[in-house]
N, C-alpha and C. Protein backbone atom coordinates (compact mmCIF):
# COMPACT_ATOMS: atom_id res chain seq x y z
N MET A 1 343.64 136.48 -95.44
CA MET A 1 342.16 136.28 -95.81
C MET A 1 341.99 135.19 -96.46
N PHE A 2 342.59 134.89 -97.63
CA PHE A 2 342.54 133.54 -98.21
C PHE A 2 343.80 132.94 -97.88
N SER A 3 343.76 131.66 -98.33
CA SER A 3 344.99 130.92 -98.18
C SER A 3 344.75 129.72 -99.32
N LEU A 4 346.11 129.84 -99.71
CA LEU A 4 346.29 128.75 -100.89
C LEU A 4 346.83 127.50 -100.05
N ARG A 5 345.90 126.09 -100.35
CA ARG A 5 346.40 125.24 -99.71
C ARG A 5 346.84 123.95 -100.69
N ARG A 6 348.19 123.87 -100.53
CA ARG A 6 348.90 122.76 -101.51
C ARG A 6 348.36 121.57 -101.10
N ARG A 7 347.79 120.64 -102.09
CA ARG A 7 347.82 119.48 -101.92
C ARG A 7 349.02 118.72 -102.19
N GLU A 8 349.17 117.76 -101.80
CA GLU A 8 350.44 116.86 -101.97
C GLU A 8 349.97 115.85 -103.14
N THR A 9 350.87 116.02 -104.10
CA THR A 9 350.73 115.33 -105.52
C THR A 9 351.97 114.29 -105.31
N PRO A 10 351.70 113.04 -105.33
CA PRO A 10 352.89 111.99 -105.30
C PRO A 10 353.42 112.25 -106.76
N SER A 11 355.01 111.88 -106.91
CA SER A 11 355.71 112.10 -108.03
C SER A 11 355.61 110.62 -108.61
N ILE A 12 355.89 110.63 -110.23
CA ILE A 12 355.65 109.38 -110.65
C ILE A 12 356.54 108.31 -110.32
N GLU A 13 356.72 107.25 -109.81
CA GLU A 13 357.59 106.35 -109.64
C GLU A 13 357.56 104.85 -110.11
N THR A 14 356.35 104.79 -110.73
CA THR A 14 356.32 103.48 -111.20
C THR A 14 355.87 103.75 -112.66
N LEU A 15 356.52 102.96 -113.66
CA LEU A 15 356.22 103.15 -115.10
C LEU A 15 356.10 101.82 -115.44
N ILE A 16 354.60 101.96 -116.14
CA ILE A 16 354.22 100.40 -116.62
C ILE A 16 354.48 100.81 -118.30
N GLY A 17 355.43 100.13 -119.19
CA GLY A 17 355.82 100.46 -120.31
C GLY A 17 354.93 99.93 -121.51
N ALA A 18 355.01 100.85 -122.49
CA ALA A 18 354.16 100.33 -123.63
C ALA A 18 354.00 98.82 -124.20
N GLY A 19 354.96 97.97 -123.76
CA GLY A 19 354.87 96.78 -124.18
C GLY A 19 354.17 95.80 -123.15
N ALA A 20 353.84 96.29 -121.86
CA ALA A 20 353.47 95.48 -120.80
C ALA A 20 351.80 95.45 -121.17
N ARG A 21 351.64 94.14 -120.52
CA ARG A 21 350.07 94.10 -120.67
C ARG A 21 349.69 93.39 -119.42
N ILE A 22 348.86 94.09 -118.71
CA ILE A 22 348.35 93.17 -117.27
C ILE A 22 346.88 92.89 -117.46
N GLU A 23 346.59 91.64 -116.67
CA GLU A 23 345.53 90.89 -116.96
C GLU A 23 345.09 90.64 -115.45
N GLY A 24 344.23 91.56 -115.00
CA GLY A 24 343.63 91.42 -113.68
C GLY A 24 343.70 92.89 -113.02
N ASP A 25 343.37 93.02 -111.95
CA ASP A 25 343.23 94.28 -111.13
C ASP A 25 344.49 94.80 -110.71
N LEU A 26 344.98 96.08 -110.65
CA LEU A 26 345.89 96.64 -110.44
C LEU A 26 345.59 97.70 -109.33
N ILE A 27 346.55 97.68 -108.37
CA ILE A 27 346.10 98.53 -106.93
C ILE A 27 347.57 99.25 -106.86
N VAL A 28 347.27 100.59 -107.09
CA VAL A 28 348.39 101.63 -107.16
C VAL A 28 348.61 102.41 -105.57
N SER A 29 350.06 102.54 -105.44
CA SER A 29 350.07 103.59 -104.35
C SER A 29 350.97 104.64 -105.06
N GLY A 30 351.16 105.69 -104.78
CA GLY A 30 352.03 107.03 -104.97
C GLY A 30 351.74 107.37 -106.49
N GLY A 31 352.49 107.37 -107.41
CA GLY A 31 352.32 107.94 -108.81
C GLY A 31 352.74 106.93 -109.86
N VAL A 32 351.61 106.46 -110.54
CA VAL A 32 351.99 105.12 -111.71
C VAL A 32 351.57 105.83 -112.88
N HIS A 33 352.50 105.69 -114.17
CA HIS A 33 352.58 106.04 -115.40
C HIS A 33 352.03 105.08 -116.20
N LEU A 34 351.14 105.02 -117.12
CA LEU A 34 350.98 103.79 -117.79
C LEU A 34 351.05 104.05 -119.04
N GLU A 35 351.78 103.61 -119.89
CA GLU A 35 351.97 103.37 -121.33
C GLU A 35 351.32 102.06 -121.90
N GLY A 36 351.28 101.29 -121.01
CA GLY A 36 350.81 99.97 -121.60
C GLY A 36 349.25 99.56 -121.54
N HIS A 37 348.85 98.36 -121.47
CA HIS A 37 347.62 98.04 -121.44
C HIS A 37 347.13 97.31 -120.28
N VAL A 38 346.20 97.52 -119.48
CA VAL A 38 345.67 97.12 -118.38
C VAL A 38 344.18 96.37 -118.52
N ARG A 39 343.75 95.19 -118.45
CA ARG A 39 342.39 94.42 -118.46
C ARG A 39 341.95 94.09 -117.10
N GLY A 40 341.33 94.95 -116.47
CA GLY A 40 340.93 94.67 -115.15
C GLY A 40 340.65 96.14 -114.53
N ASN A 41 340.37 96.26 -113.51
CA ASN A 41 340.22 97.50 -112.57
C ASN A 41 341.52 98.19 -111.73
N VAL A 42 341.46 99.42 -111.85
CA VAL A 42 342.54 100.03 -111.13
C VAL A 42 342.26 101.00 -110.13
N ARG A 43 342.73 100.59 -108.91
CA ARG A 43 342.16 101.37 -107.76
C ARG A 43 343.42 101.62 -106.78
N SER A 44 343.32 102.48 -106.16
CA SER A 44 344.26 103.23 -105.21
C SER A 44 344.27 102.13 -103.71
N GLY A 45 345.55 101.86 -103.21
CA GLY A 45 345.71 101.15 -101.81
C GLY A 45 345.58 102.23 -101.11
N PRO A 46 345.62 101.55 -99.83
CA PRO A 46 345.55 102.50 -98.41
C PRO A 46 346.95 103.27 -98.06
N GLY A 47 346.84 104.26 -97.58
CA GLY A 47 348.44 104.80 -97.40
C GLY A 47 348.79 105.82 -98.15
N GLY A 48 348.00 106.90 -98.11
CA GLY A 48 348.65 107.99 -98.93
C GLY A 48 347.97 108.25 -100.12
N PRO A 49 348.40 109.56 -100.80
CA PRO A 49 347.74 110.18 -102.07
C PRO A 49 348.48 109.08 -103.06
N ALA A 50 347.32 108.91 -104.45
CA ALA A 50 347.79 108.39 -105.59
C ALA A 50 347.52 109.07 -106.63
N ILE A 51 348.17 108.73 -107.78
CA ILE A 51 348.06 109.58 -109.00
C ILE A 51 348.09 108.50 -110.31
N LEU A 52 347.07 108.16 -111.04
CA LEU A 52 347.30 107.23 -112.17
C LEU A 52 347.14 108.32 -113.58
N SER A 53 348.74 108.24 -114.15
CA SER A 53 348.70 108.94 -115.41
C SER A 53 348.55 108.01 -116.50
N ILE A 54 347.81 108.20 -117.41
CA ILE A 54 347.62 107.22 -118.56
C ILE A 54 348.15 107.91 -120.06
N ALA A 55 349.26 107.58 -120.65
CA ALA A 55 349.68 108.34 -121.65
C ALA A 55 348.94 108.07 -123.19
N PRO A 56 349.03 108.51 -123.97
CA PRO A 56 348.06 108.61 -125.15
C PRO A 56 348.11 107.26 -125.95
N GLN A 57 348.97 106.31 -125.63
CA GLN A 57 348.95 104.90 -126.02
C GLN A 57 348.58 103.84 -124.97
N GLY A 58 348.23 104.27 -123.95
CA GLY A 58 347.84 103.57 -122.72
C GLY A 58 346.09 103.13 -122.72
N VAL A 59 346.04 102.24 -122.34
CA VAL A 59 344.54 101.62 -122.41
C VAL A 59 344.24 101.17 -120.91
N VAL A 60 343.09 101.37 -120.31
CA VAL A 60 342.50 100.63 -119.22
C VAL A 60 341.22 100.00 -119.75
N GLU A 61 340.80 98.95 -119.37
CA GLU A 61 339.75 98.24 -119.90
C GLU A 61 339.14 97.70 -118.50
N GLY A 62 338.53 98.42 -117.93
CA GLY A 62 337.84 98.33 -116.27
C GLY A 62 337.63 99.77 -115.79
N SER A 63 337.25 99.71 -114.57
CA SER A 63 336.80 100.79 -114.01
C SER A 63 338.28 101.19 -113.20
N VAL A 64 338.15 102.69 -112.97
CA VAL A 64 339.44 103.35 -112.61
C VAL A 64 339.13 104.16 -111.05
N GLU A 65 339.50 103.85 -109.84
CA GLU A 65 339.19 104.35 -108.74
C GLU A 65 340.55 104.70 -108.04
N VAL A 66 340.67 106.14 -108.39
CA VAL A 66 342.06 107.14 -108.09
C VAL A 66 341.80 108.05 -107.58
N PRO A 67 342.51 108.48 -106.45
CA PRO A 67 341.80 109.99 -106.25
C PRO A 67 342.55 111.12 -107.11
N ARG A 68 343.48 110.68 -108.02
CA ARG A 68 343.77 111.85 -109.06
C ARG A 68 344.10 110.96 -110.29
N VAL A 69 343.40 111.56 -111.28
CA VAL A 69 343.61 110.56 -112.45
C VAL A 69 343.88 111.63 -113.82
N VAL A 70 345.23 111.41 -114.65
CA VAL A 70 345.51 112.19 -115.79
C VAL A 70 345.28 111.09 -117.07
N VAL A 71 344.77 111.37 -117.94
CA VAL A 71 344.19 110.74 -119.02
C VAL A 71 344.68 111.45 -120.15
N HIS A 72 345.42 110.92 -121.24
CA HIS A 72 345.70 110.95 -122.26
C HIS A 72 345.20 110.07 -123.27
N GLY A 73 345.05 108.96 -122.94
CA GLY A 73 344.64 107.36 -123.45
C GLY A 73 343.18 107.26 -123.56
N VAL A 74 342.97 105.59 -123.27
CA VAL A 74 341.78 105.23 -123.40
C VAL A 74 341.40 104.74 -122.18
N VAL A 75 340.14 105.14 -121.55
CA VAL A 75 339.47 104.18 -120.36
C VAL A 75 338.46 103.63 -120.93
N ARG A 76 338.03 102.33 -121.02
CA ARG A 76 336.79 101.81 -121.18
C ARG A 76 336.16 101.06 -119.70
N GLY A 77 335.79 102.28 -119.26
CA GLY A 77 335.00 101.96 -118.10
C GLY A 77 334.59 103.06 -117.13
N ASP A 78 334.20 103.04 -115.79
CA ASP A 78 334.07 104.40 -115.13
C ASP A 78 335.25 104.82 -114.85
N ILE A 79 335.50 106.24 -114.57
CA ILE A 79 336.31 106.72 -113.56
C ILE A 79 335.77 107.68 -112.33
N ARG A 80 336.44 107.15 -111.04
CA ARG A 80 335.76 107.59 -109.81
C ARG A 80 337.34 108.40 -109.19
N ALA A 81 337.23 109.75 -109.40
CA ALA A 81 338.48 110.17 -108.45
C ALA A 81 337.83 111.36 -107.88
N SER A 82 338.06 111.00 -106.76
CA SER A 82 337.39 111.98 -105.38
C SER A 82 338.41 113.43 -105.70
N ASP A 83 339.42 113.48 -106.03
CA ASP A 83 340.22 114.75 -106.13
C ASP A 83 340.05 115.46 -107.33
N LYS A 84 341.09 114.67 -108.30
CA LYS A 84 340.81 115.60 -109.70
C LYS A 84 340.92 114.71 -110.97
N VAL A 85 340.23 114.76 -112.13
CA VAL A 85 340.40 114.16 -113.05
C VAL A 85 341.07 115.12 -114.20
N GLU A 86 341.87 114.95 -114.75
CA GLU A 86 342.31 115.75 -116.12
C GLU A 86 342.55 115.21 -117.40
N LEU A 87 341.79 115.62 -118.35
CA LEU A 87 341.63 114.81 -119.95
C LEU A 87 342.32 115.67 -120.71
N GLY A 88 343.53 114.91 -121.41
CA GLY A 88 344.05 115.77 -122.48
C GLY A 88 343.29 115.81 -123.50
N ALA A 89 343.83 116.24 -124.59
CA ALA A 89 343.09 116.14 -125.79
C ALA A 89 342.94 115.11 -126.52
N THR A 90 343.79 114.00 -126.35
CA THR A 90 343.58 112.61 -126.85
C THR A 90 342.75 111.86 -125.71
N ALA A 91 342.29 112.13 -124.99
CA ALA A 91 341.67 111.04 -123.95
C ALA A 91 340.43 110.50 -124.73
N ARG A 92 339.90 109.36 -124.30
CA ARG A 92 338.86 109.03 -124.87
C ARG A 92 338.30 108.24 -123.72
N ILE A 93 336.83 108.31 -123.30
CA ILE A 93 336.60 107.73 -122.23
C ILE A 93 335.24 107.38 -122.62
N SER A 94 335.00 105.77 -122.19
CA SER A 94 333.74 104.94 -122.49
C SER A 94 333.37 104.39 -121.39
N GLY A 95 332.62 105.60 -120.57
CA GLY A 95 331.91 105.26 -119.07
C GLY A 95 332.01 106.52 -118.46
N SER A 96 331.33 106.48 -117.45
CA SER A 96 330.85 107.78 -116.50
C SER A 96 332.06 108.20 -115.67
N VAL A 97 332.37 109.62 -115.47
CA VAL A 97 333.16 110.17 -114.82
C VAL A 97 332.85 110.98 -113.50
N SER A 98 333.24 110.40 -112.75
CA SER A 98 332.83 111.06 -111.39
C SER A 98 334.14 111.69 -110.55
N TYR A 99 333.91 113.09 -110.32
CA TYR A 99 335.16 113.75 -110.09
C TYR A 99 334.98 114.66 -109.00
N GLY A 100 335.91 115.11 -108.14
CA GLY A 100 336.32 116.17 -107.40
C GLY A 100 336.23 117.68 -108.12
N VAL A 101 337.10 117.43 -109.01
CA VAL A 101 337.35 118.85 -109.82
C VAL A 101 337.81 118.16 -111.28
N ILE A 102 337.39 118.73 -112.39
CA ILE A 102 337.59 118.12 -113.53
C ILE A 102 338.29 119.24 -114.62
N VAL A 103 339.36 118.84 -115.13
CA VAL A 103 339.72 119.87 -116.27
C VAL A 103 339.80 119.09 -117.45
N MET A 104 339.51 119.54 -118.46
CA MET A 104 339.25 119.13 -120.03
C MET A 104 339.65 120.00 -121.00
N ALA A 105 340.70 119.10 -121.76
CA ALA A 105 341.34 119.92 -123.00
C ALA A 105 340.41 119.79 -124.11
N ALA A 106 340.26 120.72 -125.16
CA ALA A 106 339.52 120.62 -126.14
C ALA A 106 339.94 119.20 -126.95
N GLY A 107 339.05 118.42 -127.48
CA GLY A 107 339.00 117.26 -128.13
C GLY A 107 338.97 115.82 -127.19
N ALA A 108 339.10 116.05 -126.11
CA ALA A 108 338.89 114.89 -125.27
C ALA A 108 337.45 114.69 -125.42
N VAL A 109 337.11 113.06 -125.34
CA VAL A 109 335.94 112.64 -125.67
C VAL A 109 335.32 111.89 -124.39
N ILE A 110 334.09 111.97 -123.77
CA ILE A 110 333.67 111.29 -123.00
C ILE A 110 332.34 110.56 -123.54
N GLU A 111 332.13 109.33 -123.64
CA GLU A 111 330.96 108.73 -123.83
C GLU A 111 330.33 107.86 -122.66
N GLY A 112 329.71 108.99 -121.92
CA GLY A 112 328.90 108.56 -120.75
C GLY A 112 328.80 109.71 -120.00
N ARG A 113 328.26 109.79 -118.58
CA ARG A 113 327.74 110.86 -117.71
C ARG A 113 329.05 111.44 -117.01
N LEU A 114 329.08 112.66 -116.64
CA LEU A 114 329.70 113.55 -115.87
C LEU A 114 328.99 113.53 -114.36
N ILE A 115 329.80 113.05 -113.48
CA ILE A 115 329.17 113.29 -112.20
C ILE A 115 329.57 114.15 -111.18
N ALA A 116 329.30 115.28 -110.92
CA ALA A 116 329.87 116.49 -110.09
C ALA A 116 329.60 115.84 -108.65
N PRO A 117 330.60 116.18 -107.56
CA PRO A 117 330.24 115.95 -106.37
C PRO A 117 329.04 116.28 -105.83
N ALA A 118 328.49 115.40 -104.91
CA ALA A 118 327.25 115.76 -104.27
C ALA A 118 327.36 116.98 -103.46
N SER A 119 328.33 117.33 -102.86
CA SER A 119 328.57 118.81 -102.26
C SER A 119 328.42 119.74 -103.01
N ALA A 120 328.54 119.73 -104.19
CA ALA A 120 328.79 120.87 -105.15
C ALA A 120 327.15 121.22 -105.68
N ALA A 121 327.16 122.38 -104.83
CA ALA A 121 325.60 122.92 -105.53
C ALA A 121 326.10 124.00 -106.70
N ALA A 122 324.87 123.79 -107.50
CA ALA A 122 325.01 124.80 -108.64
C ALA A 122 325.10 126.36 -108.09
N PRO A 123 326.02 127.20 -108.67
CA PRO A 123 326.16 128.66 -107.90
C PRO A 123 324.70 129.29 -108.60
N SER A 124 324.28 130.36 -108.00
CA SER A 124 323.35 131.10 -108.80
C SER A 124 323.94 132.17 -109.23
N LEU A 125 323.61 132.73 -110.44
CA LEU A 125 324.23 133.99 -111.10
C LEU A 125 323.29 135.09 -110.67
N LEU A 126 321.99 134.68 -110.27
CA LEU A 126 321.13 135.91 -109.79
C LEU A 126 321.31 136.54 -108.51
N PRO A 127 320.98 137.74 -108.28
CA PRO A 127 320.90 138.05 -106.92
C PRO A 127 319.95 137.63 -106.02
N ALA A 128 319.61 137.49 -104.89
CA ALA A 128 318.59 136.84 -104.27
C ALA A 128 317.49 137.90 -104.50
N PRO A 129 316.24 137.54 -104.55
CA PRO A 129 315.13 138.41 -104.90
C PRO A 129 314.54 139.26 -103.67
N LEU A 130 314.30 140.53 -103.86
CA LEU A 130 313.67 141.53 -102.88
C LEU A 130 312.65 140.93 -102.37
N PRO A 131 312.42 141.11 -100.85
CA PRO A 131 310.92 140.90 -100.40
C PRO A 131 310.05 141.56 -101.03
N MET A 132 308.59 140.76 -101.24
CA MET A 132 307.64 141.74 -101.44
C MET A 132 307.16 142.06 -100.23
N PRO A 133 306.66 143.47 -100.69
CA PRO A 133 305.87 144.11 -99.68
C PRO A 133 304.60 143.59 -99.32
N ALA A 134 304.00 143.84 -97.98
CA ALA A 134 302.64 143.12 -97.56
C ALA A 134 301.46 143.51 -98.29
N ASP A 135 301.51 145.05 -98.94
CA ASP A 135 300.68 145.43 -99.62
C ASP A 135 301.24 145.66 -101.07
N ALA A 136 301.12 144.51 -101.92
CA ALA A 136 301.63 144.82 -103.17
C ALA A 136 300.85 145.43 -104.38
N SER A 137 299.49 146.09 -103.87
CA SER A 137 298.90 146.91 -104.47
C SER A 137 299.16 148.35 -104.19
N ALA A 138 299.75 148.63 -103.21
CA ALA A 138 299.62 150.05 -103.15
C ALA A 138 300.72 150.78 -104.30
N PRO A 139 300.56 152.11 -104.40
CA PRO A 139 301.46 152.70 -105.31
C PRO A 139 302.90 152.57 -104.92
N LEU A 140 303.90 153.04 -106.13
CA LEU A 140 305.21 152.62 -105.89
C LEU A 140 305.52 153.66 -104.81
N GLY A 141 304.83 155.01 -104.76
CA GLY A 141 305.68 156.07 -103.75
C GLY A 141 305.55 155.77 -102.43
N GLU A 142 304.35 154.83 -102.25
CA GLU A 142 304.00 154.55 -101.04
C GLU A 142 304.76 153.27 -100.12
N LEU A 143 305.35 152.45 -101.39
CA LEU A 143 306.19 151.26 -101.33
C LEU A 143 307.67 151.61 -100.87
N VAL A 144 308.21 152.71 -101.51
CA VAL A 144 309.48 153.03 -101.41
C VAL A 144 309.66 154.15 -100.68
N PRO A 145 310.15 154.39 -99.50
CA PRO A 145 310.30 155.52 -98.61
C PRO A 145 311.25 156.57 -99.23
N GLY A 146 310.70 157.82 -99.21
CA GLY A 146 311.48 159.03 -99.78
C GLY A 146 311.16 159.28 -101.17
N VAL A 147 310.45 158.58 -101.68
CA VAL A 147 309.97 158.46 -103.25
C VAL A 147 308.45 159.02 -103.30
N SER A 148 308.35 160.05 -103.74
CA SER A 148 306.82 160.14 -104.32
C SER A 148 306.41 159.96 -105.62
N GLY A 149 305.23 159.77 -105.79
CA GLY A 149 304.76 159.48 -107.21
C GLY A 149 305.06 160.57 -108.14
N GLU A 150 305.30 161.68 -107.88
CA GLU A 150 305.61 162.86 -108.97
C GLU A 150 306.84 162.36 -109.61
N HIS A 151 307.80 161.86 -108.78
CA HIS A 151 309.14 161.55 -109.25
C HIS A 151 309.22 160.25 -110.38
N LEU A 152 308.33 159.66 -110.21
CA LEU A 152 308.11 158.48 -111.01
C LEU A 152 307.84 158.79 -112.55
């Protein structure tokens, strides 16, 4: 009846160490773990899934456009993740976050807007209203079959 669909999550294959500083845009593919500093935009290249993981000491000064983003550090720019955004307790975001799914730990800070996917409609918590009878002024006994006014 229900099927669980596993998404392919790339393993971390590239490490940008704490002492590294990148000036310019970074195009990622596969899994990238950032402990250093990027001053520029980070986006995924064509050809498969990508994930960007930002360590607590990691910093991105620019926008991030990667399908899956995990943040424990700082992003000063917008995040656009078509798949999933995970924000750890030490995450600090100065910009809007557009996401497919978002997971936030207590303590994470976003100074910007959360933008849900356009296809996600807010679920209704109330049941659909019952249709109104043609003659709403009729006594209840006449509106509900099998119920007479004496039983009310």
